[in-house]
Amino acid sequence: MSKQRGKQQFTGQAAFQYTSVCCGKPAKKDPCSRSKEDRKENKFSECGLGHWHCSQCEKNCKVRRTKVQKEADNVPQTMA
């Protein structure tokens, strides 16, 4: 038998930041709003993640993806 392992949690920082084009604020993506019963009845095997929404105006929006700089990259190096 194989060992049972717990689910791995993502503890790091996100690699990218998504910004809305309309307001320039951070965008968020809501998960699918259908319940498990609805997906089974309608025979949906999977459910998408939904659309991007602006955090300020709450409308659907297009996003701009930028890479997040790590804190270690921002620290100036000193010479000894």
PDB file of N, CA and C in Angstrom:
ATOM      1  N   MET A   1       0.839  -1.184   0.000  1.00  0.00           N
ATOM      2  CA  MET A   1       0.000   0.000   0.000  1.00  0.00           C
ATOM      3  C   MET A   1       0.881   1.243   0.000  1.00  0.00           C
ATOM      4  N   SER A   2       0.382   2.274  -0.626  1.00  0.00           N
ATOM      5  CA  SER A   2       1.125   3.520  -0.637  1.00  0.00           C
ATOM      6  C   SER A   2       0.775   4.347   0.607  1.00  0.00           C
ATOM      7  N   LYS A   3       1.666   5.229   0.952  1.00  0.00           N
ATOM      8  CA  LYS A   3       1.431   6.088   2.108  1.00  0.00           C
ATOM      9  C   LYS A   3       0.385   7.139   1.778  1.00  0.00           C
ATOM     10  N   GLN A   4      -0.433   7.446   2.760  1.00  0.00           N
ATOM     11  CA  GLN A   4      -1.378   8.532   2.585  1.00  0.00           C
ATOM     12  C   GLN A   4      -0.691   9.821   2.994  1.00  0.00           C
ATOM     13  N   ARG A   5      -0.797  10.785   2.135  1.00  0.00           N
ATOM     14  CA  ARG A   5      -0.157  12.072   2.406  1.00  0.00           C
ATOM     15  C   ARG A   5      -1.214  13.155   2.438  1.00  0.00           C
ATOM     16  N   GLY A   6      -0.950  14.153   3.233  1.00  0.00           N
ATOM     17  CA  GLY A   6      -1.878  15.272   3.315  1.00  0.00           C
ATOM     18  C   GLY A   6      -1.744  16.170   2.103  1.00  0.00           C
ATOM     19  N   LYS A   7      -2.723  17.026   1.916  1.00  0.00           N
ATOM     20  CA  LYS A   7      -2.666  17.970   0.807  1.00  0.00           C
ATOM     21  C   LYS A   7      -1.568  18.984   1.060  1.00  0.00           C
ATOM     22  N   GLN A   8      -0.866  19.337   0.006  1.00  0.00           N
ATOM     23  CA  GLN A   8       0.187  20.329   0.147  1.00  0.00           C
ATOM     24  C   GLN A   8      -0.423  21.714   0.045  1.00  0.00           C
ATOM     25  N   GLN A   9      -0.061  22.561   0.964  1.00  0.00           N
ATOM     26  CA  GLN A   9      -0.554  23.926   0.991  1.00  0.00           C
ATOM     27  C   GLN A   9       0.448  24.836   0.286  1.00  0.00           C
ATOM     28  N   PHE A  10      -0.041  25.786  -0.485  1.00  0.00           N
ATOM     29  CA  PHE A  10       0.823  26.774  -1.118  1.00  0.00           C
ATOM     30  C   PHE A  10       1.102  27.863  -0.092  1.00  0.00           C
ATOM     31  N   THR A  11       2.355  27.971   0.324  1.00  0.00           N
ATOM     32  CA  THR A  11       2.699  28.939   1.363  1.00  0.00           C
ATOM     33  C   THR A  11       3.500  30.114   0.827  1.00  0.00           C
ATOM     34  N   GLY A  12       3.875  30.050  -0.425  1.00  0.00           N
ATOM     35  CA  GLY A  12       4.696  31.118  -1.001  1.00  0.00           C
ATOM     36  C   GLY A  12       3.862  32.284  -1.483  1.00  0.00           C
ATOM     37  N   GLN A  13       4.554  33.271  -2.016  1.00  0.00           N
ATOM     38  CA  GLN A  13       3.891  34.444  -2.549  1.00  0.00           C
ATOM     39  C   GLN A  13       3.548  34.191  -4.015  1.00  0.00           C
ATOM     40  N   ALA A  14       2.506  34.795  -4.518  1.00  0.00           N
ATOM     41  CA  ALA A  14       2.116  34.616  -5.914  1.00  0.00           C
ATOM     42  C   ALA A  14       3.212  35.157  -6.826  1.00  0.00           C
ATOM     43  N   ALA A  15       3.393  34.506  -7.964  1.00  0.00           N
ATOM     44  CA  ALA A  15       4.445  34.899  -8.893  1.00  0.00           C
ATOM     45  C   ALA A  15       4.028  36.087  -9.749  1.00  0.00           C
ATOM     46  N   PHE A  16       2.722  36.270  -9.957  1.00  0.00           N
ATOM     47  CA  PHE A  16       2.237  37.348 -10.805  1.00  0.00           C
ATOM     48  C   PHE A  16       1.166  38.152 -10.087  1.00  0.00           C
ATOM     49  N   GLN A  17       1.054  39.424 -10.465  1.00  0.00           N
ATOM     50  CA  GLN A  17       0.006  40.293  -9.948  1.00  0.00           C
ATOM     51  C   GLN A  17      -0.868  40.683 -11.123  1.00  0.00           C
ATOM     52  N   TYR A  18      -2.178  40.597 -10.961  1.00  0.00           N
ATOM     53  CA  TYR A  18      -3.110  40.902 -12.029  1.00  0.00           C
ATOM     54  C   TYR A  18      -3.797  42.229 -11.726  1.00  0.00           C
ATOM     55  N   THR A  19      -3.665  43.182 -12.651  1.00  0.00           N
ATOM     56  CA  THR A  19      -4.199  44.529 -12.476  1.00  0.00           C
ATOM     57  C   THR A  19      -5.261  44.782 -13.533  1.00  0.00           C
ATOM     58  N   SER A  20      -6.383  45.369 -13.138  1.00  0.00           N
ATOM     59  CA  SER A  20      -7.457  45.645 -14.096  1.00  0.00           C
ATOM     60  C   SER A  20      -7.055  46.793 -15.014  1.00  0.00           C
ATOM     61  N   VAL A  21      -7.470  46.688 -16.277  1.00  0.00           N
ATOM     62  CA  VAL A  21      -7.153  47.712 -17.251  1.00  0.00           C
ATOM     63  C   VAL A  21      -8.039  48.936 -17.048  1.00  0.00           C
ATOM     64  N   CYS A  22      -9.271  48.722 -16.585  1.00  0.00           N
ATOM     65  CA  CYS A  22     -10.231  49.832 -16.479  1.00  0.00           C
ATOM     66  C   CYS A  22      -9.854  50.833 -15.384  1.00  0.00           C
ATOM     67  N   CYS A  23      -9.528  50.368 -14.191  1.00  0.00           N
ATOM     68  CA  CYS A  23      -9.271  51.265 -13.059  1.00  0.00           C
ATOM     69  C   CYS A  23      -7.823  51.225 -12.571  1.00  0.00           C
ATOM     70  N   GLY A  24      -7.058  50.237 -13.001  1.00  0.00           N
ATOM     71  CA  GLY A  24      -5.675  50.132 -12.554  1.00  0.00           C
ATOM     72  C   GLY A  24      -5.547  49.574 -11.140  1.00  0.00           C
ATOM     73  N   LYS A  25      -6.586  48.938 -10.647  1.00  0.00           N
ATOM     74  CA  LYS A  25      -6.587  48.342  -9.313  1.00  0.00           C
ATOM     75  C   LYS A  25      -6.394  46.837  -9.434  1.00  0.00           C
ATOM     76  N   PRO A  26      -6.043  46.153  -8.336  1.00  0.00           N
ATOM     77  CA  PRO A  26      -5.887  44.691  -8.389  1.00  0.00           C
ATOM     78  C   PRO A  26      -7.196  44.020  -8.807  1.00  0.00           C
ATOM     79  N   ALA A  27      -7.083  42.993  -9.640  1.00  0.00           N
ATOM     80  CA  ALA A  27      -8.245  42.248 -10.105  1.00  0.00           C
ATOM     81  C   ALA A  27      -8.346  40.943  -9.330  1.00  0.00           C
ATOM     82  N   LYS A  28      -9.552  40.397  -9.256  1.00  0.00           N
ATOM     83  CA  LYS A  28      -9.762  39.130  -8.565  1.00  0.00           C
ATOM     84  C   LYS A  28     -10.578  38.215  -9.463  1.00  0.00           C
ATOM     85  N   LYS A  29     -10.448  36.926  -9.219  1.00  0.00           N
ATOM     86  CA  LYS A  29     -11.158  35.936 -10.010  1.00  0.00           C
ATOM     87  C   LYS A  29     -11.944  35.060  -9.059  1.00  0.00           C
ATOM     88  N   ASP A  30     -13.267  35.082  -9.187  1.00  0.00           N
ATOM     89  CA  ASP A  30     -14.129  34.291  -8.311  1.00  0.00           C
ATOM     90  C   ASP A  30     -14.283  32.885  -8.868  1.00  0.00           C
ATOM     91  N   PRO A  31     -14.388  31.886  -8.005  1.00  0.00           N
ATOM     92  CA  PRO A  31     -14.583  30.518  -8.487  1.00  0.00           C
ATOM     93  C   PRO A  31     -15.988  30.325  -9.049  1.00  0.00           C
ATOM     94  N   CYS A  32     -16.206  29.184  -9.623  1.00  0.00           N
ATOM     95  CA  CYS A  32     -17.495  28.841 -10.212  1.00  0.00           C
ATOM     96  C   CYS A  32     -18.591  28.924  -9.146  1.00  0.00           C
ATOM     97  N   SER A  33     -19.742  29.448  -9.516  1.00  0.00           N
ATOM     98  CA  SER A  33     -20.826  29.626  -8.546  1.00  0.00           C
ATOM     99  C   SER A  33     -21.802  28.459  -8.532  1.00  0.00           C
ATOM    100  N   ARG A  34     -21.632  27.487  -9.409  1.00  0.00           N
ATOM    101  CA  ARG A  34     -22.546  26.350  -9.433  1.00  0.00           C
ATOM    102  C   ARG A  34     -22.241  25.397  -8.291  1.00  0.00           C
ATOM    103  N   SER A  35     -23.280  24.811  -7.734  1.00  0.00           N
ATOM    104  CA  SER A  35     -23.088  23.837  -6.667  1.00  0.00           C
ATOM    105  C   SER A  35     -22.757  22.478  -7.270  1.00  0.00           C
ATOM    106  N   LYS A  36     -22.300  21.557  -6.432  1.00  0.00           N
ATOM    107  CA  LYS A  36     -21.962  20.215  -6.915  1.00  0.00           C
ATOM    108  C   LYS A  36     -23.180  19.513  -7.501  1.00  0.00           C
ATOM    109  N   GLU A  37     -24.352  19.715  -6.886  1.00  0.00           N
ATOM    110  CA  GLU A  37     -25.559  19.070  -7.370  1.00  0.00           C
ATOM    111  C   GLU A  37     -25.921  19.572  -8.765  1.00  0.00           C
ATOM    112  N   ASP A  38     -25.785  20.889  -8.985  1.00  0.00           N
ATOM    113  CA  ASP A  38     -26.094  21.446 -10.301  1.00  0.00           C
ATOM    114  C   ASP A  38     -25.146  20.889 -11.360  1.00  0.00           C
ATOM    115  N   ARG A  39     -23.883  20.760 -11.015  1.00  0.00           N
ATOM    116  CA  ARG A  39     -22.919  20.237 -11.979  1.00  0.00           C
ATOM    117  C   ARG A  39     -23.214  18.779 -12.307  1.00  0.00           C
ATOM    118  N   LYS A  40     -23.663  17.990 -11.310  1.00  0.00           N
ATOM    119  CA  LYS A  40     -23.980  16.589 -11.560  1.00  0.00           C
ATOM    120  C   LYS A  40     -25.236  16.450 -12.414  1.00  0.00           C
ATOM    121  N   GLU A  41     -26.254  17.258 -12.136  1.00  0.00           N
ATOM    122  CA  GLU A  41     -27.503  17.185 -12.886  1.00  0.00           C
ATOM    123  C   GLU A  41     -27.301  17.590 -14.342  1.00  0.00           C
ATOM    124  N   ASN A  42     -26.510  18.609 -14.570  1.00  0.00           N
ATOM    125  CA  ASN A  42     -26.287  19.112 -15.920  1.00  0.00           C
ATOM    126  C   ASN A  42     -25.126  18.416 -16.617  1.00  0.00           C
ATOM    127  N   LYS A  43     -24.533  17.452 -15.936  1.00  0.00           N
ATOM    128  CA  LYS A  43     -23.433  16.648 -16.458  1.00  0.00           C
ATOM    129  C   LYS A  43     -22.226  17.505 -16.865  1.00  0.00           C
ATOM    130  N   PHE A  44     -21.937  18.503 -16.056  1.00  0.00           N
ATOM    131  CA  PHE A  44     -20.717  19.271 -16.256  1.00  0.00           C
ATOM    132  C   PHE A  44     -19.599  18.533 -15.545  1.00  0.00           C
ATOM    133  N   SER A  45     -18.604  18.122 -16.291  1.00  0.00           N
ATOM    134  CA  SER A  45     -17.517  17.383 -15.654  1.00  0.00           C
ATOM    135  C   SER A  45     -16.619  18.330 -14.866  1.00  0.00           C
ATOM    136  N   GLU A  46     -16.407  19.506 -15.386  1.00  0.00           N
ATOM    137  CA  GLU A  46     -15.570  20.476 -14.688  1.00  0.00           C
ATOM    138  C   GLU A  46     -16.230  21.839 -14.764  1.00  0.00           C
ATOM    139  N   CYS A  47     -15.821  22.684 -13.893  1.00  0.00           N
ATOM    140  CA  CYS A  47     -16.372  24.026 -13.865  1.00  0.00           C
ATOM    141  C   CYS A  47     -15.212  25.009 -13.927  1.00  0.00           C
ATOM    142  N   GLY A  48     -15.312  26.006 -14.753  1.00  0.00           N
ATOM    143  CA  GLY A  48     -14.234  26.978 -14.907  1.00  0.00           C
ATOM    144  C   GLY A  48     -14.092  27.870 -13.695  1.00  0.00           C
ATOM    145  N   LEU A  49     -13.083  28.704 -13.735  1.00  0.00           N
ATOM    146  CA  LEU A  49     -12.814  29.586 -12.606  1.00  0.00           C
ATOM    147  C   LEU A  49     -13.560  30.909 -12.673  1.00  0.00           C
ATOM    148  N   GLY A  50     -14.236  31.184 -13.749  1.00  0.00           N
ATOM    149  CA  GLY A  50     -14.981  32.427 -13.832  1.00  0.00           C
ATOM    150  C   GLY A  50     -14.208  33.513 -14.549  1.00  0.00           C
ATOM    151  N   HIS A  51     -14.647  34.754 -14.376  1.00  0.00           N
ATOM    152  CA  HIS A  51     -14.065  35.888 -15.086  1.00  0.00           C
ATOM    153  C   HIS A  51     -13.336  36.802 -14.106  1.00  0.00           C
ATOM    154  N   TRP A  52     -12.458  37.626 -14.645  1.00  0.00           N
ATOM    155  CA  TRP A  52     -11.755  38.613 -13.828  1.00  0.00           C
ATOM    156  C   TRP A  52     -12.684  39.776 -13.522  1.00  0.00           C
ATOM    157  N   HIS A  53     -12.638  40.262 -12.286  1.00  0.00           N
ATOM    158  CA  HIS A  53     -13.443  41.401 -11.849  1.00  0.00           C
ATOM    159  C   HIS A  53     -12.519  42.444 -11.228  1.00  0.00           C
ATOM    160  N   CYS A  54     -12.811  43.711 -11.505  1.00  0.00           N
ATOM    161  CA  CYS A  54     -12.058  44.815 -10.914  1.00  0.00           C
ATOM    162  C   CYS A  54     -12.423  44.916  -9.438  1.00  0.00           C
ATOM    163  N   SER A  55     -11.441  45.168  -8.579  1.00  0.00           N
ATOM    164  CA  SER A  55     -11.726  45.261  -7.146  1.00  0.00           C
ATOM    165  C   SER A  55     -12.359  46.601  -6.771  1.00  0.00           C
ATOM    166  N   GLN A  56     -12.287  47.592  -7.667  1.00  0.00           N
ATOM    167  CA  GLN A  56     -12.877  48.885  -7.353  1.00  0.00           C
ATOM    168  C   GLN A  56     -14.306  49.006  -7.886  1.00  0.00           C
ATOM    169  N   CYS A  57     -14.511  48.732  -9.179  1.00  0.00           N
ATOM    170  CA  CYS A  57     -15.846  48.920  -9.754  1.00  0.00           C
ATOM    171  C   CYS A  57     -16.650  47.619  -9.845  1.00  0.00           C
ATOM    172  N   GLU A  58     -16.037  46.475  -9.533  1.00  0.00           N
ATOM    173  CA  GLU A  58     -16.687  45.163  -9.501  1.00  0.00           C
ATOM    174  C   GLU A  58     -17.252  44.711 -10.854  1.00  0.00           C
ATOM    175  N   LYS A  59     -16.808  45.326 -11.955  1.00  0.00           N
ATOM    176  CA  LYS A  59     -17.263  44.920 -13.277  1.00  0.00           C
ATOM    177  C   LYS A  59     -16.281  43.909 -13.864  1.00  0.00           C
ATOM    178  N   ASN A  60     -16.749  43.148 -14.868  1.00  0.00           N
ATOM    179  CA  ASN A  60     -15.845  42.282 -15.606  1.00  0.00           C
ATOM    180  C   ASN A  60     -14.803  43.156 -16.288  1.00  0.00           C
ATOM    181  N   CYS A  61     -13.570  42.690 -16.325  1.00  0.00           N
ATOM    182  CA  CYS A  61     -12.522  43.524 -16.900  1.00  0.00           C
ATOM    183  C   CYS A  61     -11.438  42.665 -17.543  1.00  0.00           C
ATOM    184  N   LYS A  62     -10.638  43.323 -18.354  1.00  0.00           N
ATOM    185  CA  LYS A  62      -9.431  42.705 -18.874  1.00  0.00           C
ATOM    186  C   LYS A  62      -8.330  42.997 -17.868  1.00  0.00           C
ATOM    187  N   VAL A  63      -7.317  42.147 -17.841  1.00  0.00           N
ATOM    188  CA  VAL A  63      -6.262  42.314 -16.849  1.00  0.00           C
ATOM    189  C   VAL A  63      -4.899  42.425 -17.520  1.00  0.00           C
ATOM    190  N   ARG A  64      -3.992  43.029 -16.786  1.00  0.00           N
ATOM    191  CA  ARG A  64      -2.593  43.129 -17.184  1.00  0.00           C
ATOM    192  C   ARG A  64      -1.792  42.354 -16.153  1.00  0.00           C
ATOM    193  N   ARG A  65      -0.985  41.407 -16.619  1.00  0.00           N
ATOM    194  CA  ARG A  65      -0.205  40.564 -15.716  1.00  0.00           C
ATOM    195  C   ARG A  65       1.205  41.114 -15.603  1.00  0.00           C
ATOM    196  N   THR A  66       1.656  41.313 -14.364  1.00  0.00           N
ATOM    197  CA  THR A  66       3.027  41.759 -14.120  1.00  0.00           C
ATOM    198  C   THR A  66       3.688  40.811 -13.131  1.00  0.00           C
ATOM    199  N   LYS A  67       4.958  40.588 -13.323  1.00  0.00           N
ATOM    200  CA  LYS A  67       5.688  39.681 -12.447  1.00  0.00           C
ATOM    201  C   LYS A  67       5.994  40.388 -11.132  1.00  0.00           C
ATOM    202  N   VAL A  68       5.772  39.705 -10.029  1.00  0.00           N
ATOM    203  CA  VAL A  68       6.013  40.253  -8.700  1.00  0.00           C
ATOM    204  C   VAL A  68       7.493  40.073  -8.376  1.00  0.00           C
ATOM    205  N   GLN A  69       8.134  41.152  -7.931  1.00  0.00           N
ATOM    206  CA  GLN A  69       9.536  41.060  -7.538  1.00  0.00           C
ATOM    207  C   GLN A  69       9.613  40.501  -6.135  1.00  0.00           C
ATOM    208  N   LYS A  70      10.569  39.618  -5.937  1.00  0.00           N
ATOM    209  CA  LYS A  70      10.768  39.043  -4.609  1.00  0.00           C
ATOM    210  C   LYS A  70      11.449  40.061  -3.716  1.00  0.00           C
ATOM    211  N   GLU A  71      11.241  39.924  -2.410  1.00  0.00           N
ATOM    212  CA  GLU A  71      11.847  40.860  -1.458  1.00  0.00           C
ATOM    213  C   GLU A  71      13.359  40.778  -1.493  1.00  0.00           C
ATOM    214  N   ALA A  72      13.890  39.589  -1.732  1.00  0.00           N
ATOM    215  CA  ALA A  72      15.348  39.423  -1.768  1.00  0.00           C
ATOM    216  C   ALA A  72      15.960  40.189  -2.935  1.00  0.00           C
ATOM    217  N   ASP A  73      15.191  40.371  -4.035  1.00  0.00           N
ATOM    218  CA  ASP A  73      15.691  41.122  -5.180  1.00  0.00           C
ATOM    219  C   ASP A  73      15.771  42.612  -4.894  1.00  0.00           C
ATOM    220  N   ASN A  74      14.955  43.104  -3.982  1.00  0.00           N
ATOM    221  CA  ASN A  74      14.914  44.534  -3.691  1.00  0.00           C
ATOM    222  C   ASN A  74      15.968  44.955  -2.669  1.00  0.00           C
ATOM    223  N   VAL A  75      16.586  44.025  -1.966  1.00  0.00           N
ATOM    224  CA  VAL A  75      17.550  44.354  -0.924  1.00  0.00           C
ATOM    225  C   VAL A  75      18.896  44.650  -1.577  1.00  0.00           C
ATOM    226  N   PRO A  76      19.468  45.826  -1.317  1.00  0.00           N
ATOM    227  CA  PRO A  76      20.772  46.131  -1.896  1.00  0.00           C
ATOM    228  C   PRO A  76      21.865  45.257  -1.250  1.00  0.00           C
ATOM    229  N   GLN A  77      22.799  44.843  -2.070  1.00  0.00           N
ATOM    230  CA  GLN A  77      23.875  44.004  -1.553  1.00  0.00           C
ATOM    231  C   GLN A  77      25.008  44.906  -1.050  1.00  0.00           C
ATOM    232  N   THR A  78      25.572  44.549   0.100  1.00  0.00           N
ATOM    233  CA  THR A  78      26.683  45.323   0.663  1.00  0.00           C
ATOM    234  C   THR A  78      27.955  44.517   0.506  1.00  0.00           C
ATOM    235  N   MET A  79      29.016  45.209   0.267  1.00  0.00           N
ATOM    236  CA  MET A  79      30.300  44.531   0.122  1.00  0.00           C
ATOM    237  C   MET A  79      31.040  44.577   1.447  1.00  0.00           C
ATOM    238  N   ALA A  80      31.615  43.476   1.838  1.00  0.00           N
ATOM    239  CA  ALA A  80      32.313  43.405   3.125  1.00  0.00           C
ATOM    240  C   ALA A  80      33.782  43.688   2.968  1.00  0.00           C
TER     241      ALA A  80
END
